[in-house]
Protein backbone atom coordinates (compact mmCIF):
# COMPACT_ATOMS: atom_id res chain seq x y z
CA UNK A 1 -44.00 4.17 -0.40
CA UNK A 2 -42.33 3.09 -3.49
CA UNK A 3 -44.23 5.70 -5.76
CA UNK A 4 -43.18 8.35 -3.09
CA UNK A 5 -39.69 7.81 -3.29
CA UNK A 6 -39.67 7.54 -7.01
CA UNK A 7 -41.45 10.92 -7.55
CA UNK A 8 -39.42 12.41 -4.58
CA UNK A 9 -36.13 11.14 -6.59
CA UNK A 10 -37.61 12.58 -9.85
CA UNK A 11 -38.39 15.88 -8.14
CA UNK A 12 -34.66 15.96 -6.48
CA UNK A 13 -33.07 15.16 -9.66
CA UNK A 14 -34.60 17.93 -11.62
CA UNK A 15 -34.05 20.39 -8.82
CA UNK A 16 -30.31 19.27 -8.65
CA UNK A 17 -29.93 20.62 -12.42
CA UNK A 18 -30.96 24.09 -11.43
CA UNK A 19 -27.89 26.59 -11.66
CA UNK A 20 -27.09 30.22 -12.11
CA UNK A 21 -24.21 29.77 -14.45
CA UNK A 22 -26.39 30.54 -17.66
CA UNK A 23 -26.02 34.07 -16.38
CA UNK A 24 -22.25 33.83 -16.84
CA UNK A 25 -22.65 32.54 -20.42
CA UNK A 26 -20.75 34.92 -22.82
CA UNK A 27 -19.34 36.76 -19.98
CA UNK A 28 -15.66 37.77 -20.41
CA UNK A 29 -14.50 38.08 -16.61
CA UNK A 30 -15.74 36.69 -13.01
CA UNK A 31 -14.19 36.36 -9.70
CA UNK A 32 -14.55 33.27 -7.55
CA UNK A 33 -12.55 31.12 -5.50
CA UNK A 34 -10.73 27.69 -6.66
CA UNK A 35 -12.94 25.16 -4.81
CA UNK A 36 -11.37 21.82 -5.72
CA UNK A 37 -8.15 20.24 -6.37
CA UNK A 38 -5.93 21.81 -9.02
CA UNK A 39 -5.48 19.69 -12.19
CA UNK A 40 -1.92 20.29 -13.52
CA UNK A 41 -1.07 18.96 -16.82
CA UNK A 42 1.90 19.13 -18.90
CA UNK A 43 0.46 22.21 -21.20
CA UNK A 44 -2.10 23.76 -19.07
CA UNK A 45 -3.77 23.98 -15.63
CA UNK A 46 -7.39 23.24 -15.09
CA UNK A 47 -9.50 25.15 -12.29
CA UNK A 48 -12.67 24.46 -10.67
CA UNK A 49 -13.89 28.13 -9.84
CA UNK A 50 -17.00 28.67 -7.38
CA UNK A 51 -18.12 31.98 -8.88
CA UNK A 52 -19.13 34.80 -6.51
CA UNK A 53 -23.00 35.13 -6.23
CA UNK A 54 -23.46 32.01 -8.71
CA UNK A 55 -25.00 28.57 -7.71
CA UNK A 56 -22.55 26.06 -9.93
CA UNK A 57 -19.06 26.03 -10.78
CA UNK A 58 -17.02 26.67 -13.92
CA UNK A 59 -14.17 24.88 -15.20
CA UNK A 60 -11.30 27.22 -16.39
CA UNK A 61 -8.36 26.14 -18.56
CA UNK A 62 -5.40 28.36 -18.07
CA UNK A 63 -1.77 28.54 -18.97
CA UNK A 64 0.64 26.18 -17.48
CA UNK A 65 2.37 28.93 -15.03
CA UNK A 66 1.67 30.28 -12.64
CA UNK A 67 -0.23 27.51 -10.73
CA UNK A 68 -2.56 28.61 -7.90
CA UNK A 69 -4.05 26.60 -5.05
CA UNK A 70 -7.40 25.40 -3.87
CA UNK A 71 -8.76 28.29 -1.73
CA UNK A 72 -7.00 30.99 -3.45
CA UNK A 73 -9.32 33.87 -4.67
CA UNK A 74 -8.84 34.69 -8.39
CA UNK A 75 -9.86 36.75 -11.37
CA UNK A 76 -10.75 35.02 -14.48
CA UNK A 77 -10.71 36.65 -17.92
CA UNK A 78 -12.21 34.56 -20.57
CA UNK A 79 -15.45 33.51 -22.36
CA UNK A 80 -17.73 31.19 -20.35
CA UNK A 81 -19.43 28.77 -22.47
CA UNK A 82 -21.96 25.66 -22.12
CA UNK A 83 -20.04 22.49 -22.24
CA UNK A 84 -21.02 20.10 -24.90
CA UNK A 85 -20.82 16.60 -25.83
CA UNK A 86 -17.72 15.47 -27.69
CA UNK A 87 -18.44 12.89 -30.26
CA UNK A 88 -19.85 9.70 -28.28
CA UNK A 89 -18.53 11.20 -24.97
CA UNK A 90 -21.24 13.22 -22.99
CA UNK A 91 -18.82 15.77 -21.59
CA UNK A 92 -21.66 17.96 -20.42
CA UNK A 93 -23.01 15.22 -18.30
CA UNK A 94 -19.56 14.43 -16.82
CA UNK A 95 -19.02 17.72 -15.74
CA UNK A 96 -22.74 18.15 -14.28
CA UNK A 97 -21.96 15.44 -11.78
CA UNK A 98 -19.24 17.58 -10.23
CA UNK A 99 -21.91 20.74 -10.25
CA UNK A 100 -19.92 22.40 -13.22
CA UNK A 101 -22.25 23.95 -15.69
CA UNK A 102 -19.85 26.16 -17.57
CA UNK A 103 -16.34 25.94 -19.15
CA UNK A 104 -13.89 28.71 -20.08
CA UNK A 105 -11.54 27.00 -22.71
CA UNK A 106 -8.86 29.61 -23.03
CA UNK A 107 -8.86 31.69 -19.64
CA UNK A 108 -6.45 34.15 -17.91
CA UNK A 109 -6.32 33.64 -14.32
CA UNK A 110 -5.04 36.26 -11.91
CA UNK A 111 -4.47 35.73 -8.17
CA UNK A 112 -6.53 38.47 -6.06
CA UNK A 113 -5.92 36.68 -2.40
CA UNK A 114 -4.23 33.54 -1.30
CA UNK A 115 -6.50 31.18 0.46
CA UNK A 116 -6.06 29.17 3.52
CA UNK A 117 -7.93 26.51 5.23
CA UNK A 118 -7.77 22.52 5.70
CA UNK A 119 -8.28 21.52 2.05
CA UNK A 120 -5.44 23.87 0.92
CA UNK A 121 -2.99 21.95 3.17
CA UNK A 122 -4.56 18.65 2.37
CA UNK A 123 -3.70 19.31 -1.28
CA UNK A 124 -0.35 20.76 -0.52
CA UNK A 125 0.61 17.61 1.28
CA UNK A 126 -0.53 15.38 -1.46
CA UNK A 127 1.45 17.51 -3.95
CA UNK A 128 4.73 17.21 -1.67
CA UNK A 129 3.98 13.35 -1.43
CA UNK A 130 3.65 12.99 -5.29
CA UNK A 131 6.63 15.15 -5.87
CA UNK A 132 8.77 12.67 -3.50
CA UNK A 133 7.11 9.68 -4.92
CA UNK A 134 8.43 10.85 -8.39
CA UNK A 135 11.99 11.40 -6.90
CA UNK A 136 12.15 7.72 -5.82
CA UNK A 137 10.35 6.02 -8.51
CA UNK A 138 11.23 6.37 -12.40
CA UNK A 139 8.40 6.34 -14.79
CA UNK A 140 5.96 4.64 -15.61
CA UNK A 141 6.42 2.87 -12.29
CA UNK A 142 6.10 6.10 -10.62
CA UNK A 143 2.73 7.09 -12.22
CA UNK A 144 1.46 3.55 -11.64
CA UNK A 145 2.36 3.68 -8.20
CA UNK A 146 0.35 6.94 -7.82
CA UNK A 147 -2.52 5.52 -9.21
CA UNK A 148 -2.47 2.59 -6.65
CA UNK A 149 -1.84 4.94 -3.61
CA UNK A 150 -3.54 8.07 -4.53
CA UNK A 151 -6.10 6.95 -7.54
CA UNK A 152 -4.27 9.37 -9.87
CA UNK A 153 -4.31 8.35 -13.55
CA UNK A 154 -2.75 11.37 -15.32
CA UNK A 155 0.61 10.19 -15.79
CA UNK A 156 -0.02 6.65 -16.58
CA UNK A 157 1.21 6.21 -20.24
CA UNK A 158 -1.84 5.56 -22.65
CA UNK A 159 -0.70 2.32 -23.91
CA UNK A 160 -0.55 0.78 -20.40
CA UNK A 161 -3.91 2.17 -19.53
CA UNK A 162 -5.28 0.38 -22.50
CA UNK A 163 -3.71 -2.61 -21.36
CA UNK A 164 -5.48 -2.23 -18.15
CA UNK A 165 -8.77 -1.79 -19.82
CA UNK A 166 -8.14 -4.79 -21.96
CA UNK A 167 -7.25 -7.12 -19.11
CA UNK A 168 -9.89 -6.06 -16.68
CA UNK A 169 -7.44 -4.23 -14.17
CA UNK A 170 -8.54 -0.75 -14.14
CA UNK A 171 -9.84 -1.14 -10.82
CA UNK A 172 -6.53 -1.59 -9.32
CA UNK A 173 -5.79 2.21 -9.71
CA UNK A 174 -9.16 3.32 -8.46
CA UNK A 175 -9.21 4.15 -4.85
CA UNK A 176 -11.71 1.74 -3.27
CA UNK A 177 -13.13 0.09 0.09
CA UNK A 178 -9.74 -1.74 0.11
CA UNK A 179 -7.72 1.56 0.52
CA UNK A 180 -10.04 2.92 3.06
CA UNK A 181 -9.65 -0.51 5.23
CA UNK A 182 -5.70 0.18 4.88
CA UNK A 183 -6.10 3.72 6.40
CA UNK A 184 -8.20 2.58 9.44
CA UNK A 185 -6.03 -0.54 9.97
CA UNK A 186 -2.86 1.86 9.77
CA UNK A 187 -4.38 4.60 11.81
CA UNK A 188 -5.68 2.26 14.50
CA UNK A 189 -1.98 0.79 14.61
CA UNK A 190 -0.39 4.32 14.97
CA UNK A 191 -2.79 5.20 18.03
CA UNK A 192 -3.15 1.66 19.50
CA UNK A 193 -1.82 3.11 22.97
CA UNK A 194 -5.21 4.92 23.35
CA UNK A 195 -8.56 3.59 23.90
CA UNK A 196 -10.78 2.02 21.32
CA UNK A 197 -13.08 5.02 21.10
CA UNK A 198 -10.14 7.51 20.71
CA UNK A 199 -8.85 5.24 17.88
CA UNK A 200 -12.10 5.26 16.22
CA UNK A 201 -12.18 8.99 16.34
CA UNK A 202 -8.79 9.59 14.64
CA UNK A 203 -9.74 6.84 12.22
CA UNK A 204 -12.70 8.53 11.07
CA UNK A 205 -10.85 11.95 10.88
CA UNK A 206 -8.20 10.44 8.65
CA UNK A 207 -10.85 8.54 6.43
CA UNK A 208 -12.49 12.05 5.73
CA UNK A 209 -8.97 13.62 4.84
CA UNK A 210 -8.03 10.58 2.76
CA UNK A 211 -11.23 10.84 0.73
CA UNK A 212 -10.67 14.51 0.10
CA UNK A 213 -6.86 13.72 -0.58
CA UNK A 214 -7.62 11.38 -3.38
CA UNK A 215 -10.21 13.66 -5.07
CA UNK A 216 -13.39 12.67 -3.37
CA UNK A 217 -15.05 10.62 -6.50
CA UNK A 218 -18.38 9.27 -5.95
CA UNK A 219 -17.04 5.62 -5.65
CA UNK A 220 -14.49 6.94 -2.98
CA UNK A 221 -16.90 8.75 -0.99
CA UNK A 222 -19.16 5.62 -1.03
CA UNK A 223 -16.12 3.80 0.45
CA UNK A 224 -15.44 6.15 3.03
CA UNK A 225 -19.03 6.49 4.37
CA UNK A 226 -19.13 2.93 4.56
CA UNK A 227 -15.87 2.91 6.34
CA UNK A 228 -17.24 5.53 8.81
CA UNK A 229 -20.20 3.78 9.47
CA UNK A 230 -18.17 0.64 10.60
CA UNK A 231 -16.24 2.67 12.74
CA UNK A 232 -19.43 4.29 14.42
CA UNK A 233 -20.73 0.78 15.12
CA UNK A 234 -17.50 0.00 16.65
CA UNK A 235 -17.76 3.17 18.88
CA UNK A 236 -20.95 2.58 20.00
CA UNK A 237 -20.58 -1.42 20.39
CA UNK A 238 -23.26 -2.21 17.57
CA UNK A 239 -23.19 -4.72 14.75
CA UNK A 240 -22.16 -3.65 11.51
CA UNK A 241 -24.56 -4.61 8.78
CA UNK A 242 -23.04 -4.19 5.47
CA UNK A 243 -26.02 -4.09 3.42
CA UNK A 244 -27.34 -1.19 5.56
CA UNK A 245 -24.32 0.55 5.28
CA UNK A 246 -24.10 0.41 1.57
CA UNK A 247 -27.64 1.23 0.78
CA UNK A 248 -27.51 4.04 3.57
CA UNK A 249 -24.33 5.37 1.46
CA UNK A 250 -26.07 5.38 -1.93
CA UNK A 251 -29.13 6.89 -0.27
CA UNK A 252 -27.41 9.94 1.13
CA UNK A 253 -25.02 10.48 -1.67
CA UNK A 254 -27.85 10.54 -4.12
CA UNK A 255 -30.03 12.87 -1.76
CA UNK A 256 -26.92 15.31 -1.93
CA UNK A 257 -26.31 14.92 -5.58
CA UNK A 258 -28.68 12.78 -7.54
CA UNK A 259 -26.76 13.12 -11.02
CA UNK A 260 -24.20 10.67 -9.73
CA UNK A 261 -26.67 7.94 -10.09
CA UNK A 262 -27.31 8.57 -13.50
CA UNK A 263 -24.27 10.28 -14.90
CA UNK A 264 -21.50 8.58 -12.75
CA UNK A 265 -20.48 5.08 -14.14
CA UNK A 266 -17.72 5.03 -11.47
CA UNK A 267 -20.45 5.02 -8.80
CA UNK A 268 -22.67 2.44 -10.43
CA UNK A 269 -19.70 0.03 -10.97
CA UNK A 270 -18.44 0.70 -7.37
CA UNK A 271 -21.94 0.03 -5.86
CA UNK A 272 -22.53 -3.20 -7.86
CA UNK A 273 -19.23 -4.61 -7.41
CA UNK A 274 -19.67 -4.20 -3.60
CA UNK A 275 -23.12 -5.40 -3.82
CA UNK A 276 -21.83 -8.41 -5.83
CA UNK A 277 -19.06 -9.17 -3.27
CA UNK A 278 -21.56 -8.97 -0.33
CA UNK A 279 -23.83 -11.46 -2.20
CA UNK A 280 -21.53 -14.03 -4.03
CA UNK A 281 -18.34 -14.28 -1.84
CA UNK A 282 -19.90 -16.60 0.62
CA UNK A 283 -21.49 -18.60 -2.14
CA UNK A 284 -18.01 -19.08 -4.00
CA UNK A 285 -16.25 -19.72 -0.71
CA UNK A 286 -18.52 -22.95 -0.10
CA UNK A 287 -17.56 -23.96 -3.91
CA UNK A 288 -14.02 -23.60 -3.52
CA UNK A 289 -13.53 -24.59 0.04
CA UNK A 290 -11.52 -27.60 -0.99
CA UNK A 291 -8.86 -25.42 -2.84
CA UNK A 292 -5.88 -24.10 -0.88
CA UNK A 293 -5.24 -20.18 -0.27
CA UNK A 294 -1.99 -20.43 -2.25
CA UNK A 295 -0.80 -16.88 -1.51
CA UNK A 296 -4.28 -15.13 -1.93
CA UNK A 297 -5.00 -16.63 -5.21
CA UNK A 298 -8.21 -18.43 -4.32
CA UNK A 299 -9.43 -14.93 -2.75
CA UNK A 300 -8.48 -12.88 -5.74
CA UNK A 301 -10.49 -15.32 -7.95
CA UNK A 302 -13.53 -15.23 -5.57
CA UNK A 303 -13.41 -11.48 -5.37
CA UNK A 304 -13.14 -11.19 -9.09
CA UNK A 305 -15.90 -13.64 -10.02
CA UNK A 306 -18.45 -12.00 -7.23
CA UNK A 307 -17.80 -8.39 -8.42
CA UNK A 308 -18.22 -9.07 -12.04
CA UNK A 309 -21.64 -10.59 -11.85
CA UNK A 310 -23.36 -7.51 -11.10
CA UNK A 311 -20.95 -4.96 -13.02
CA UNK A 312 -20.86 -6.80 -16.24
CA UNK A 313 -23.93 -5.56 -17.82
CA UNK A 314 -23.09 -2.06 -17.01
CA UNK A 315 -19.40 -2.47 -18.45
CA UNK A 316 -20.67 -3.91 -21.82
CA UNK A 317 -23.30 -1.24 -22.01
CA UNK A 318 -21.35 1.76 -21.47
CA UNK A 319 -17.90 0.66 -22.86
CA UNK A 320 -19.09 -1.97 -25.46
CA UNK A 321 -16.32 -4.55 -24.34
CA UNK A 322 -15.62 -7.52 -22.13
CA UNK A 323 -12.33 -8.41 -20.81
CA UNK A 324 -12.74 -12.35 -20.80
CA UNK A 325 -9.29 -12.64 -19.59
CA UNK A 326 -10.09 -10.55 -16.41
CA UNK A 327 -10.55 -13.66 -13.92
CA UNK A 328 -6.74 -14.79 -14.85
CA UNK A 329 -5.45 -11.34 -14.70
CA UNK A 330 -6.97 -10.50 -11.48
CA UNK A 331 -5.64 -13.78 -10.09
CA UNK A 332 -2.34 -13.17 -11.20
CA UNK A 333 -1.82 -9.53 -10.41
CA UNK A 334 -4.31 -8.83 -7.09
CA UNK A 335 -1.89 -10.72 -4.86
CA UNK A 336 1.04 -8.69 -5.66
CA UNK A 337 -0.89 -5.20 -5.34
CA UNK A 338 -0.96 -5.22 -1.30
CA UNK A 339 2.80 -5.57 -1.34
CA UNK A 340 3.38 -3.05 -4.23
CA UNK A 341 1.38 -0.48 -2.12
CA UNK A 342 2.97 -1.36 1.20
CA UNK A 343 6.70 -1.07 -0.14
CA UNK A 344 5.80 1.64 -2.20
CA UNK A 345 4.52 3.78 0.54
CA UNK A 346 7.32 3.28 2.67
CA UNK A 347 9.71 3.71 -0.34
CA UNK A 348 8.29 7.17 -0.51
CA UNK A 349 8.82 7.81 3.15
CA UNK A 350 12.25 6.16 3.64
CA UNK A 351 13.79 6.20 0.27
CA UNK A 352 14.99 3.81 -2.41
CA UNK A 353 16.23 1.04 0.03
CA UNK A 354 12.64 0.01 0.50
CA UNK A 355 11.22 1.38 -2.80
CA UNK A 356 13.44 -1.12 -4.72
CA UNK A 357 10.95 -3.88 -3.65
CA UNK A 358 7.94 -2.03 -4.99
CA UNK A 359 9.72 -1.19 -8.06
CA UNK A 360 10.56 -4.93 -8.83
CA UNK A 361 6.75 -5.80 -7.88
CA UNK A 362 5.42 -2.96 -10.41
CA UNK A 363 7.62 -4.30 -13.07
CA UNK A 364 6.41 -7.88 -12.82
CA UNK A 365 2.93 -6.62 -12.70
CA UNK A 366 3.48 -4.30 -15.87
CA UNK A 367 5.07 -7.39 -17.61
CA UNK A 368 2.02 -9.66 -16.60
CA UNK A 369 -0.38 -7.08 -17.90
CA UNK A 370 1.53 -6.49 -21.13
CA UNK A 371 1.60 -10.34 -21.90
CA UNK A 372 -2.38 -10.67 -20.72
CA UNK A 373 -3.15 -7.76 -22.97
CA UNK A 374 -1.34 -9.50 -25.95
CA UNK A 375 -2.86 -12.78 -25.09
CA UNK A 376 -6.36 -11.36 -25.10
CA UNK A 377 -5.93 -9.78 -28.78
């Protein structure tokens, strides 16, 4: 059985690399549909294009204006090239995990037909939410909060990102199972007047929308699938076995796109961190049962230690670094994050009267991170 799955996985991985984008190489123009969230930068726009008649996607770099939306059909003029590794960064493999096999580094994109559909409106809503967020919160707290709520890192200053890396806190601006749990809890509270099964259906729909809203990275999809499995267990009145949910999510994701297992470090870390938490949290809870909770400090320490046991080898192998100060930084910062997210979300909705609390918390977090980054050298 093991040999069968090994051979099947090998075949499936090779099959996933097959694409038709090679037929476009050196081509100067093509037509397709924008099939993913548009990445707007300060000096350019990145479009992921599903090309007509081609199995595979092309990443197109275009001028900053105008900006088109997901679902729009466009005409692209520009030379399609095969992506290559950039120094020690495997840029080609990074793109392959998203089914992108060609790049237009300088392209001209012209609208042919405005699109429609659910994803277009989901991303439109996200854009409006981000605009409102930055109206309420000044930088860099605005970009920090966008990372907490939406997993967006584009506007976070490079110095602050480096400090997150040095202190082992990058995960706080990565959407995870915690965010999925918040969605389920909030939707359940919103529809509490309905029956349990109706609440489960609404929660499942909102989880799927949230996964697309924040970019549907492999780590987010894994958390979303596990969340939906837990909801289905509730719907049918069955027990929820977290190990089965974890491996089921990994199996079906790799069946769909085997490249994430090899090329997506985020998926590897997400899976291993979850496995570590499932395995070691009960152990550490027994060890620390004599210690009081004290505003979530003990829980933060237990979660950090549990997650790092399995993820540490992958972190050292891929990034050649180890944030020895990570347990301390997580103990100090993690208890503040839920409050920053809560007040930040309601601050975006209701304005600065509530947003000021999130602003203060985020400033405290930045000061802590700055000090710990200095302390870690």
